Protein backbone atom coordinates (compact mmCIF):
# COMPACT_ATOMS: atom_id res chain seq x y z
CA GLU A 1 109.91 70.37 101.21
CA ASP A 2 106.48 69.57 99.75
CA LEU A 3 107.56 70.42 96.20
CA ASP A 4 111.00 68.78 96.44
CA ARG A 5 109.82 65.30 95.49
CA ASN A 6 113.28 63.85 94.89
CA LYS A 7 114.52 65.33 98.22
CA ASP A 8 117.68 66.86 96.78
CA GLY A 9 117.14 70.20 98.50
CA TYR A 10 116.05 72.01 95.33
CA VAL A 11 112.87 72.47 93.30
CA GLN A 12 113.32 71.57 89.63
CA VAL A 13 110.94 72.87 86.96
CA GLU A 14 109.19 69.48 86.72
CA GLU A 15 108.57 69.46 90.47
CA TYR A 16 107.28 73.02 90.24
CA ILE A 17 104.90 72.10 87.39
CA ALA A 18 103.78 68.88 89.10
CA ASP A 19 102.48 70.99 91.98
CA LEU A 20 100.31 72.98 89.54
CA TYR A 21 99.24 70.45 86.93
CA SER A 22 98.94 66.70 86.51
CA ALA A 23 98.56 65.51 82.91
CA GLU A 24 96.40 62.58 81.99
CA PRO A 25 98.05 60.01 79.67
CA GLY A 26 97.91 61.24 76.08
CA GLU A 27 96.67 64.68 77.12
CA GLU A 28 98.37 67.68 75.52
CA GLU A 29 99.87 70.13 77.97
CA PRO A 30 97.80 73.35 78.16
CA ALA A 31 99.36 76.65 77.07
CA TRP A 32 99.26 78.03 80.61
CA VAL A 33 101.63 75.27 81.73
CA GLN A 34 104.18 76.41 79.13
CA THR A 35 103.72 79.94 80.48
CA GLU A 36 104.47 78.65 83.98
CA ARG A 37 107.62 76.91 82.70
CA GLN A 38 108.74 80.23 81.23
CA GLN A 39 107.90 82.01 84.50
CA PHE A 40 110.07 79.48 86.33
CA ARG A 41 113.03 80.10 83.98
CA ASP A 42 112.66 83.88 83.71
CA PHE A 43 111.47 84.96 87.17
CA ARG A 44 111.64 82.16 89.75
CA ASP A 45 115.13 80.76 89.04
CA LEU A 46 116.95 83.97 89.93
CA ASN A 47 120.49 82.64 89.50
CA LYS A 48 119.59 80.66 86.33
CA ASP A 49 121.03 77.37 87.60
CA GLY A 50 117.99 75.29 86.58
CA HIS A 51 116.41 74.84 90.00
CA LEU A 52 115.15 76.80 92.99
CA ASP A 53 117.08 76.85 96.23
CA GLY A 54 115.64 77.93 99.58
CA SER A 55 116.20 81.63 99.03
CA GLU A 56 114.58 81.54 95.57
CA VAL A 57 111.55 79.73 96.98
CA GLY A 58 111.37 82.38 99.72
CA HIS A 59 111.53 85.14 97.11
CA TRP A 60 108.73 83.42 95.17
CA VAL A 61 106.47 82.87 98.19
CA LEU A 62 107.06 86.27 99.81
CA PRO A 63 108.44 88.66 97.17
CA PRO A 64 110.33 91.56 98.71
CA ALA A 65 108.84 95.06 98.69
CA GLN A 66 105.45 94.10 97.29
CA ASP A 67 102.05 94.81 98.69
CA GLN A 68 100.93 91.17 98.54
CA PRO A 69 97.20 91.84 99.07
CA LEU A 70 97.27 94.41 96.26
CA VAL A 71 99.16 92.05 93.94
CA GLU A 72 96.65 89.26 94.63
CA ALA A 73 93.65 91.57 94.17
CA ASN A 74 95.02 92.77 90.82
CA HIS A 75 95.63 89.18 89.75
CA LEU A 76 92.09 88.16 90.63
CA LEU A 77 90.64 91.16 88.82
CA HIS A 78 92.76 90.44 85.74
CA GLU A 79 91.72 86.78 85.66
CA SER A 80 88.04 87.63 86.15
CA ASP A 81 88.00 90.22 83.34
CA THR A 82 87.36 87.61 80.65
CA ASP A 83 86.78 90.10 77.82
CA LYS A 84 89.88 92.10 78.90
CA ASP A 85 88.11 95.47 78.68
CA GLY A 86 89.57 96.66 81.99
CA ARG A 87 86.22 96.49 83.76
CA LEU A 88 84.25 93.75 85.48
CA SER A 89 80.69 93.26 84.31
CA LYS A 90 78.05 91.73 86.57
CA ALA A 91 78.23 88.54 84.45
CA GLU A 92 82.03 88.33 84.90
CA ILE A 93 81.71 88.82 88.64
CA LEU A 94 79.02 86.16 88.96
CA SER A 95 80.81 83.63 86.75
CA ASN A 96 84.13 84.05 88.56
């Protein structure tokens, strides 16, 4: 409901992106936003109809058969490993 700004019962890609990023006038969209658009098309919109329905949002928020704490921990470790050497240095830990 929070993401469905036009209240049509679905989450379109622009509504999905608007929840993550708000561009300033004249500002170029960052590369990570394009990655999120691709994620929406490839992994969030399971039936490829151009928007998310309630079940797709549920699948996104609580993916089935995943250890959510482990997934989140791996994500945080990956994002903090700025030199991508597979290890966290003291500097990476402190800066992230």
